[in-house]
């Protein structure tokens, strides 16, 4: 979509990919990609697909294998591949770990859908956390989340920015906004998991130099 980080576009182009920028947000770009695939006979790679779930589920297996017993795992949730991979892996291993979805207040479709028990699309997805900026979840993913997640929680963009700073100070990992969402949820709801062992998923690489400098110096994404 429009507003995609130039660094990300350049990285894709470096692999000889033809990058088409279209639409004001992810959903508009997704619908355009569907139209292009139908018009030109192209193979469509959707944002949620069983093969993608199998791929991201490998980190779920590694986490459960090496972390020891976990009371909960908090994972950023956009279209649902990550959280569905965790839910499926947990169930296959017969574990009791709660899986918690994490999103942004400005893009609450996953939380609203979880709470309502049905897909609830939103008109906008207003957050700088691009990886969770979705307006409508995949219905298959949403059903799995409703059946298998313990909760879906959202936090503000300011909370996400503070989580980026926290991760940098404590681990020297530079998280993209969506990657820091799970840490932000844990921080904002720390009393809920006090005394428990909680895994937090940090993923993604959508961060440009200007935004990183602004956030790490204590600014907000609006001032980047």
C-alpha atoms as a PDB file:
ATOM      1  CA  UNK A   1       0.000   0.000   0.000  1.00  0.00           C
ATOM      2  CA  UNK A   2       0.901   3.673  -0.171  1.00  0.00           C
ATOM      3  CA  UNK A   3       3.203   4.631   2.681  1.00  0.00           C
ATOM      4  CA  UNK A   4       5.146   1.363   2.610  1.00  0.00           C
ATOM      5  CA  UNK A   5       8.673   1.903   3.890  1.00  0.00           C
ATOM      6  CA  UNK A   6      11.053   2.759   1.017  1.00  0.00           C
ATOM      7  CA  UNK A   7      13.672   0.446   2.527  1.00  0.00           C
ATOM      8  CA  UNK A   8      11.230  -2.434   2.335  1.00  0.00           C
ATOM      9  CA  UNK A   9      10.374  -1.711  -1.292  1.00  0.00           C
ATOM     10  CA  UNK A  10      14.073  -1.482  -2.170  1.00  0.00           C
ATOM     11  CA  UNK A  11      14.766  -4.814  -0.479  1.00  0.00           C
ATOM     12  CA  UNK A  12      12.031  -6.470  -2.519  1.00  0.00           C
ATOM     13  CA  UNK A  13      13.235  -4.892  -5.738  1.00  0.00           C
ATOM     14  CA  UNK A  14      16.737  -6.175  -5.003  1.00  0.00           C
ATOM     15  CA  UNK A  15      15.344  -9.697  -5.425  1.00  0.00           C
ATOM     16  CA  UNK A  16      14.115  -8.727  -8.928  1.00  0.00           C
ATOM     17  CA  UNK A  17      10.515  -8.432  -7.711  1.00  0.00           C
ATOM     18  CA  UNK A  18       8.119  -6.092  -9.511  1.00  0.00           C
ATOM     19  CA  UNK A  19       6.665  -3.978  -6.705  1.00  0.00           C
ATOM     20  CA  UNK A  20       3.263  -2.363  -7.303  1.00  0.00           C
ATOM     21  CA  UNK A  21       2.210   0.297  -4.799  1.00  0.00           C
ATOM     22  CA  UNK A  22      -1.570   0.582  -4.620  1.00  0.00           C
ATOM     23  CA  UNK A  23      -4.227   1.651  -2.137  1.00  0.00           C
ATOM     24  CA  UNK A  24      -4.287   3.543   1.130  1.00  0.00           C
ATOM     25  CA  UNK A  25      -3.930   0.486   3.364  1.00  0.00           C
ATOM     26  CA  UNK A  26      -3.231  -3.248   3.425  1.00  0.00           C
ATOM     27  CA  UNK A  27      -6.800  -4.312   2.634  1.00  0.00           C
ATOM     28  CA  UNK A  28      -6.959  -2.081  -0.443  1.00  0.00           C
ATOM     29  CA  UNK A  29      -3.621  -3.473  -1.644  1.00  0.00           C
ATOM     30  CA  UNK A  30      -4.779  -7.032  -0.969  1.00  0.00           C
ATOM     31  CA  UNK A  31      -7.958  -6.593  -2.993  1.00  0.00           C
ATOM     32  CA  UNK A  32      -5.920  -5.088  -5.841  1.00  0.00           C
ATOM     33  CA  UNK A  33      -3.592  -8.097  -5.808  1.00  0.00           C
ATOM     34  CA  UNK A  34      -6.610 -10.404  -6.089  1.00  0.00           C
ATOM     35  CA  UNK A  35      -7.886  -8.410  -9.071  1.00  0.00           C
ATOM     36  CA  UNK A  36      -4.466  -8.512 -10.761  1.00  0.00           C
ATOM     37  CA  UNK A  37      -4.162 -12.266 -10.269  1.00  0.00           C
ATOM     38  CA  UNK A  38      -7.576 -12.828 -11.857  1.00  0.00           C
ATOM     39  CA  UNK A  39      -6.949 -10.413 -14.732  1.00  0.00           C
ATOM     40  CA  UNK A  40      -3.441 -11.583 -15.625  1.00  0.00           C
ATOM     41  CA  UNK A  41      -3.598 -15.240 -14.580  1.00  0.00           C
ATOM     42  CA  UNK A  42      -1.025 -14.787 -11.822  1.00  0.00           C
ATOM     43  CA  UNK A  43      -0.511 -17.095  -8.856  1.00  0.00           C
ATOM     44  CA  UNK A  44      -1.888 -15.352  -5.774  1.00  0.00           C
ATOM     45  CA  UNK A  45      -0.040 -15.755  -2.478  1.00  0.00           C
ATOM     46  CA  UNK A  46      -2.639 -14.780   0.141  1.00  0.00           C
ATOM     47  CA  UNK A  47      -1.714 -13.294   3.536  1.00  0.00           C
ATOM     48  CA  UNK A  48      -3.249 -16.327   5.278  1.00  0.00           C
ATOM     49  CA  UNK A  49      -2.743 -19.819   3.855  1.00  0.00           C
ATOM     50  CA  UNK A  50      -2.140 -23.310   5.313  1.00  0.00           C
ATOM     51  CA  UNK A  51       1.371 -23.374   3.834  1.00  0.00           C
ATOM     52  CA  UNK A  52       2.210 -20.087   5.559  1.00  0.00           C
ATOM     53  CA  UNK A  53       0.866 -21.449   8.835  1.00  0.00           C
ATOM     54  CA  UNK A  54       3.087 -24.521   8.503  1.00  0.00           C
ATOM     55  CA  UNK A  55       6.086 -22.276   7.987  1.00  0.00           C
ATOM     56  CA  UNK A  56       5.542 -19.967  10.936  1.00  0.00           C
ATOM     57  CA  UNK A  57       4.499 -22.900  13.132  1.00  0.00           C
ATOM     58  CA  UNK A  58       8.147 -23.995  13.112  1.00  0.00           C
ATOM     59  CA  UNK A  59       9.008 -21.161  15.508  1.00  0.00           C
ATOM     60  CA  UNK A  60       6.111 -22.248  17.718  1.00  0.00           C
ATOM     61  CA  UNK A  61       7.553 -25.766  17.879  1.00  0.00           C
ATOM     62  CA  UNK A  62      11.034 -24.441  18.652  1.00  0.00           C
ATOM     63  CA  UNK A  63       9.649 -22.170  21.370  1.00  0.00           C
ATOM     64  CA  UNK A  64       7.702 -24.940  23.080  1.00  0.00           C
ATOM     65  CA  UNK A  65      10.612 -27.384  22.747  1.00  0.00           C
ATOM     66  CA  UNK A  66      13.222 -25.106  24.290  1.00  0.00           C
ATOM     67  CA  UNK A  67      11.417 -22.766  26.685  1.00  0.00           C
ATOM     68  CA  UNK A  68      10.012 -25.213  29.188  1.00  0.00           C
ATOM     69  CA  UNK A  69       6.388 -24.975  30.376  1.00  0.00           C
ATOM     70  CA  UNK A  70       4.715 -21.660  29.535  1.00  0.00           C
ATOM     71  CA  UNK A  71       1.514 -20.310  31.033  1.00  0.00           C
ATOM     72  CA  UNK A  72       0.903 -18.061  28.032  1.00  0.00           C
ATOM     73  CA  UNK A  73       2.368 -16.909  24.726  1.00  0.00           C
ATOM     74  CA  UNK A  74       1.516 -13.454  23.377  1.00  0.00           C
ATOM     75  CA  UNK A  75       1.765 -13.050  19.605  1.00  0.00           C
ATOM     76  CA  UNK A  76       1.123 -10.154  17.200  1.00  0.00           C
ATOM     77  CA  UNK A  77      -1.950 -10.880  15.091  1.00  0.00           C
ATOM     78  CA  UNK A  78      -2.494  -9.397  11.636  1.00  0.00           C
ATOM     79  CA  UNK A  79      -4.134 -11.824   9.223  1.00  0.00           C
ATOM     80  CA  UNK A  80      -3.546 -14.722  11.605  1.00  0.00           C
ATOM     81  CA  UNK A  81      -0.750 -17.011  10.373  1.00  0.00           C
ATOM     82  CA  UNK A  82       1.356 -16.595  13.504  1.00  0.00           C
ATOM     83  CA  UNK A  83      -1.381 -17.051  16.073  1.00  0.00           C
ATOM     84  CA  UNK A  84      -2.936 -19.972  14.182  1.00  0.00           C
ATOM     85  CA  UNK A  85       0.489 -21.619  13.968  1.00  0.00           C
ATOM     86  CA  UNK A  86       0.890 -21.288  17.735  1.00  0.00           C
ATOM     87  CA  UNK A  87      -2.615 -22.552  18.494  1.00  0.00           C
ATOM     88  CA  UNK A  88      -2.232 -25.547  16.182  1.00  0.00           C
ATOM     89  CA  UNK A  89       1.215 -26.467  17.518  1.00  0.00           C
ATOM     90  CA  UNK A  90       0.064 -26.140  21.118  1.00  0.00           C
ATOM     91  CA  UNK A  91      -2.892 -28.414  20.456  1.00  0.00           C
ATOM     92  CA  UNK A  92      -0.789 -31.012  18.626  1.00  0.00           C
ATOM     93  CA  UNK A  93       1.635 -31.096  21.568  1.00  0.00           C
ATOM     94  CA  UNK A  94      -1.217 -31.355  24.084  1.00  0.00           C
ATOM     95  CA  UNK A  95      -0.140 -28.286  26.061  1.00  0.00           C
ATOM     96  CA  UNK A  96      -2.225 -26.041  28.324  1.00  0.00           C
ATOM     97  CA  UNK A  97      -0.520 -22.797  27.292  1.00  0.00           C
ATOM     98  CA  UNK A  98      -2.864 -19.883  26.655  1.00  0.00           C
ATOM     99  CA  UNK A  99      -2.319 -18.166  23.305  1.00  0.00           C
ATOM    100  CA  UNK A 100      -3.015 -14.422  23.412  1.00  0.00           C
ATOM    101  CA  UNK A 101      -3.369 -12.272  20.303  1.00  0.00           C
ATOM    102  CA  UNK A 102      -1.895  -8.765  20.355  1.00  0.00           C
ATOM    103  CA  UNK A 103      -2.975  -5.880  18.155  1.00  0.00           C
ATOM    104  CA  UNK A 104      -3.273  -2.105  17.942  1.00  0.00           C
ATOM    105  CA  UNK A 105      -6.168  -0.012  19.235  1.00  0.00           C
ATOM    106  CA  UNK A 106      -6.419   1.677  15.834  1.00  0.00           C
ATOM    107  CA  UNK A 107      -6.840  -1.647  14.011  1.00  0.00           C
ATOM    108  CA  UNK A 108      -9.150  -3.657  16.282  1.00  0.00           C
ATOM    109  CA  UNK A 109     -10.785  -6.038  13.781  1.00  0.00           C
ATOM    110  CA  UNK A 110      -9.203  -9.164  15.292  1.00  0.00           C
ATOM    111  CA  UNK A 111     -10.205  -8.177  18.837  1.00  0.00           C
ATOM    112  CA  UNK A 112     -13.736  -7.228  17.792  1.00  0.00           C
ATOM    113  CA  UNK A 113     -14.127 -10.462  15.818  1.00  0.00           C
ATOM    114  CA  UNK A 114     -12.896 -12.523  18.768  1.00  0.00           C
ATOM    115  CA  UNK A 115     -15.280 -10.802  21.176  1.00  0.00           C
ATOM    116  CA  UNK A 116     -18.288 -11.002  18.836  1.00  0.00           C
ATOM    117  CA  UNK A 117     -17.757 -14.598  17.754  1.00  0.00           C
ATOM    118  CA  UNK A 118     -17.918 -13.594  14.081  1.00  0.00           C
ATOM    119  CA  UNK A 119     -15.890 -11.589  11.580  1.00  0.00           C
ATOM    120  CA  UNK A 120     -16.246  -7.872  12.326  1.00  0.00           C
ATOM    121  CA  UNK A 121     -14.590  -5.703   9.640  1.00  0.00           C
ATOM    122  CA  UNK A 122     -13.621  -2.116  10.353  1.00  0.00           C
ATOM    123  CA  UNK A 123     -13.666   0.954   8.114  1.00  0.00           C
ATOM    124  CA  UNK A 124     -10.072   1.904   8.878  1.00  0.00           C
ATOM    125  CA  UNK A 125      -6.837   0.493  10.268  1.00  0.00           C
ATOM    126  CA  UNK A 126      -5.161   3.509  11.848  1.00  0.00           C
ATOM    127  CA  UNK A 127      -1.844   2.466  13.379  1.00  0.00           C
ATOM    128  CA  UNK A 128       1.832   2.802  12.565  1.00  0.00           C
ATOM    129  CA  UNK A 129       2.228  -0.931  13.282  1.00  0.00           C
ATOM    130  CA  UNK A 130       1.864  -1.988   9.643  1.00  0.00           C
ATOM    131  CA  UNK A 131       2.098  -5.705  10.352  1.00  0.00           C
ATOM    132  CA  UNK A 132      -1.168  -5.658  12.328  1.00  0.00           C
ATOM    133  CA  UNK A 133      -2.927  -2.914  10.320  1.00  0.00           C
ATOM    134  CA  UNK A 134      -5.717  -5.051   8.914  1.00  0.00           C
ATOM    135  CA  UNK A 135      -9.396  -4.196   8.461  1.00  0.00           C
ATOM    136  CA  UNK A 136     -10.825  -7.681   8.051  1.00  0.00           C
ATOM    137  CA  UNK A 137      -9.451 -11.027   9.250  1.00  0.00           C
ATOM    138  CA  UNK A 138      -9.456 -14.166   7.169  1.00  0.00           C
ATOM    139  CA  UNK A 139     -12.646 -16.037   8.181  1.00  0.00           C
ATOM    140  CA  UNK A 140     -10.859 -19.385   8.562  1.00  0.00           C
ATOM    141  CA  UNK A 141      -8.176 -17.824  10.741  1.00  0.00           C
ATOM    142  CA  UNK A 142     -10.768 -15.921  12.769  1.00  0.00           C
ATOM    143  CA  UNK A 143     -12.663 -19.134  13.532  1.00  0.00           C
ATOM    144  CA  UNK A 144      -9.485 -20.862  14.735  1.00  0.00           C
ATOM    145  CA  UNK A 145      -8.600 -17.858  16.892  1.00  0.00           C
ATOM    146  CA  UNK A 146     -12.083 -17.791  18.430  1.00  0.00           C
ATOM    147  CA  UNK A 147     -11.891 -21.483  19.263  1.00  0.00           C
ATOM    148  CA  UNK A 148      -8.299 -21.637  20.436  1.00  0.00           C
ATOM    149  CA  UNK A 149      -7.082 -18.289  21.751  1.00  0.00           C
ATOM    150  CA  UNK A 150      -7.405 -17.181  25.343  1.00  0.00           C
ATOM    151  CA  UNK A 151      -7.909 -13.541  24.419  1.00  0.00           C
ATOM    152  CA  UNK A 152      -7.102 -10.851  21.870  1.00  0.00           C
ATOM    153  CA  UNK A 153      -5.914  -7.561  23.358  1.00  0.00           C
ATOM    154  CA  UNK A 154      -4.997  -4.221  21.805  1.00  0.00           C
ATOM    155  CA  UNK A 155      -2.736  -1.363  22.883  1.00  0.00           C
ATOM    156  CA  UNK A 156      -2.132   2.215  21.763  1.00  0.00           C
ATOM    157  CA  UNK A 157       0.570   3.325  19.353  1.00  0.00           C
ATOM    158  CA  UNK A 158       2.255   5.134  22.254  1.00  0.00           C
ATOM    159  CA  UNK A 159       2.332   1.844  24.177  1.00  0.00           C
ATOM    160  CA  UNK A 160       3.919   0.178  21.147  1.00  0.00           C
ATOM    161  CA  UNK A 161       6.559   2.910  20.867  1.00  0.00           C
ATOM    162  CA  UNK A 162       7.438   2.475  24.538  1.00  0.00           C
ATOM    163  CA  UNK A 163       7.727  -1.282  24.014  1.00  0.00           C
ATOM    164  CA  UNK A 164      10.203  -0.672  21.162  1.00  0.00           C
ATOM    165  CA  UNK A 165      12.327   1.390  23.563  1.00  0.00           C
ATOM    166  CA  UNK A 166      12.011  -1.231  26.293  1.00  0.00           C
ATOM    167  CA  UNK A 167      13.170  -4.015  23.980  1.00  0.00           C
ATOM    168  CA  UNK A 168      16.110  -1.920  22.795  1.00  0.00           C
ATOM    169  CA  UNK A 169      17.200  -1.040  26.348  1.00  0.00           C
ATOM    170  CA  UNK A 170      16.907  -4.557  27.703  1.00  0.00           C
ATOM    171  CA  UNK A 171      17.852  -6.793  24.767  1.00  0.00           C
ATOM    172  CA  UNK A 172      19.310  -4.481  22.077  1.00  0.00           C
ATOM    173  CA  UNK A 173      16.833  -5.933  19.608  1.00  0.00           C
ATOM    174  CA  UNK A 174      15.333  -3.257  17.357  1.00  0.00           C
ATOM    175  CA  UNK A 175      11.714  -4.319  16.957  1.00  0.00           C
ATOM    176  CA  UNK A 176       9.426  -3.107  14.224  1.00  0.00           C
ATOM    177  CA  UNK A 177       6.169  -1.621  15.586  1.00  0.00           C
ATOM    178  CA  UNK A 178       4.070  -4.743  14.961  1.00  0.00           C
ATOM    179  CA  UNK A 179       6.863  -6.899  16.382  1.00  0.00           C
ATOM    180  CA  UNK A 180       6.734  -4.926  19.632  1.00  0.00           C
ATOM    181  CA  UNK A 181       2.958  -5.237  20.015  1.00  0.00           C
ATOM    182  CA  UNK A 182       3.165  -8.429  22.078  1.00  0.00           C
ATOM    183  CA  UNK A 183       5.659  -6.839  24.476  1.00  0.00           C
ATOM    184  CA  UNK A 184       3.383  -3.808  24.761  1.00  0.00           C
ATOM    185  CA  UNK A 185       0.423  -6.025  25.666  1.00  0.00           C
ATOM    186  CA  UNK A 186       2.455  -7.824  28.335  1.00  0.00           C
ATOM    187  CA  UNK A 187       3.632  -4.514  29.761  1.00  0.00           C
ATOM    188  CA  UNK A 188       0.143  -2.997  29.858  1.00  0.00           C
ATOM    189  CA  UNK A 189      -1.405  -6.124  31.401  1.00  0.00           C
ATOM    190  CA  UNK A 190       1.513  -7.166  33.608  1.00  0.00           C
ATOM    191  CA  UNK A 191      -0.706  -7.756  36.647  1.00  0.00           C
ATOM    192  CA  UNK A 192      -2.693 -10.378  34.743  1.00  0.00           C
ATOM    193  CA  UNK A 193       0.387 -12.562  34.315  1.00  0.00           C
ATOM    194  CA  UNK A 194       2.270 -11.707  37.498  1.00  0.00           C
ATOM    195  CA  UNK A 195       4.227 -14.741  38.695  1.00  0.00           C
ATOM    196  CA  UNK A 196       3.628 -16.674  35.474  1.00  0.00           C
ATOM    197  CA  UNK A 197       5.966 -17.743  32.666  1.00  0.00           C
ATOM    198  CA  UNK A 198       4.997 -15.895  29.504  1.00  0.00           C
ATOM    199  CA  UNK A 199       6.517 -16.158  26.038  1.00  0.00           C
ATOM    200  CA  UNK A 200       6.484 -13.069  23.817  1.00  0.00           C
ATOM    201  CA  UNK A 201       6.854 -13.278  20.036  1.00  0.00           C
ATOM    202  CA  UNK A 202       9.072 -10.619  18.444  1.00  0.00           C
ATOM    203  CA  UNK A 203       8.934 -10.770  14.653  1.00  0.00           C
ATOM    204  CA  UNK A 204       9.196  -8.617  11.548  1.00  0.00           C
ATOM    205  CA  UNK A 205      11.588  -6.036  10.122  1.00  0.00           C
ATOM    206  CA  UNK A 206       9.453  -3.097   8.930  1.00  0.00           C
ATOM    207  CA  UNK A 207      11.463  -0.246  10.455  1.00  0.00           C
ATOM    208  CA  UNK A 208      13.217   2.639   8.717  1.00  0.00           C
ATOM    209  CA  UNK A 209      16.106   4.691  10.053  1.00  0.00           C
ATOM    210  CA  UNK A 210      14.135   7.888  10.646  1.00  0.00           C
ATOM    211  CA  UNK A 211      11.372   6.152  12.583  1.00  0.00           C
ATOM    212  CA  UNK A 212      13.865   4.141  14.638  1.00  0.00           C
ATOM    213  CA  UNK A 213      15.830   7.276  15.557  1.00  0.00           C
ATOM    214  CA  UNK A 214      12.670   9.132  16.555  1.00  0.00           C
ATOM    215  CA  UNK A 215      11.222   6.325  18.664  1.00  0.00           C
ATOM    216  CA  UNK A 216      14.490   5.430  20.397  1.00  0.00           C
ATOM    217  CA  UNK A 217      15.127   9.071  21.297  1.00  0.00           C
ATOM    218  CA  UNK A 218      11.781   9.187  23.110  1.00  0.00           C
ATOM    219  CA  UNK A 219       9.658  10.675  20.356  1.00  0.00           C
ATOM    220  CA  UNK A 220       6.429   9.390  18.893  1.00  0.00           C
ATOM    221  CA  UNK A 221       5.706   7.982  15.474  1.00  0.00           C
ATOM    222  CA  UNK A 222       3.715  11.121  14.619  1.00  0.00           C
ATOM    223  CA  UNK A 223       6.893  13.204  14.862  1.00  0.00           C
ATOM    224  CA  UNK A 224       9.003  10.909  12.663  1.00  0.00           C
END
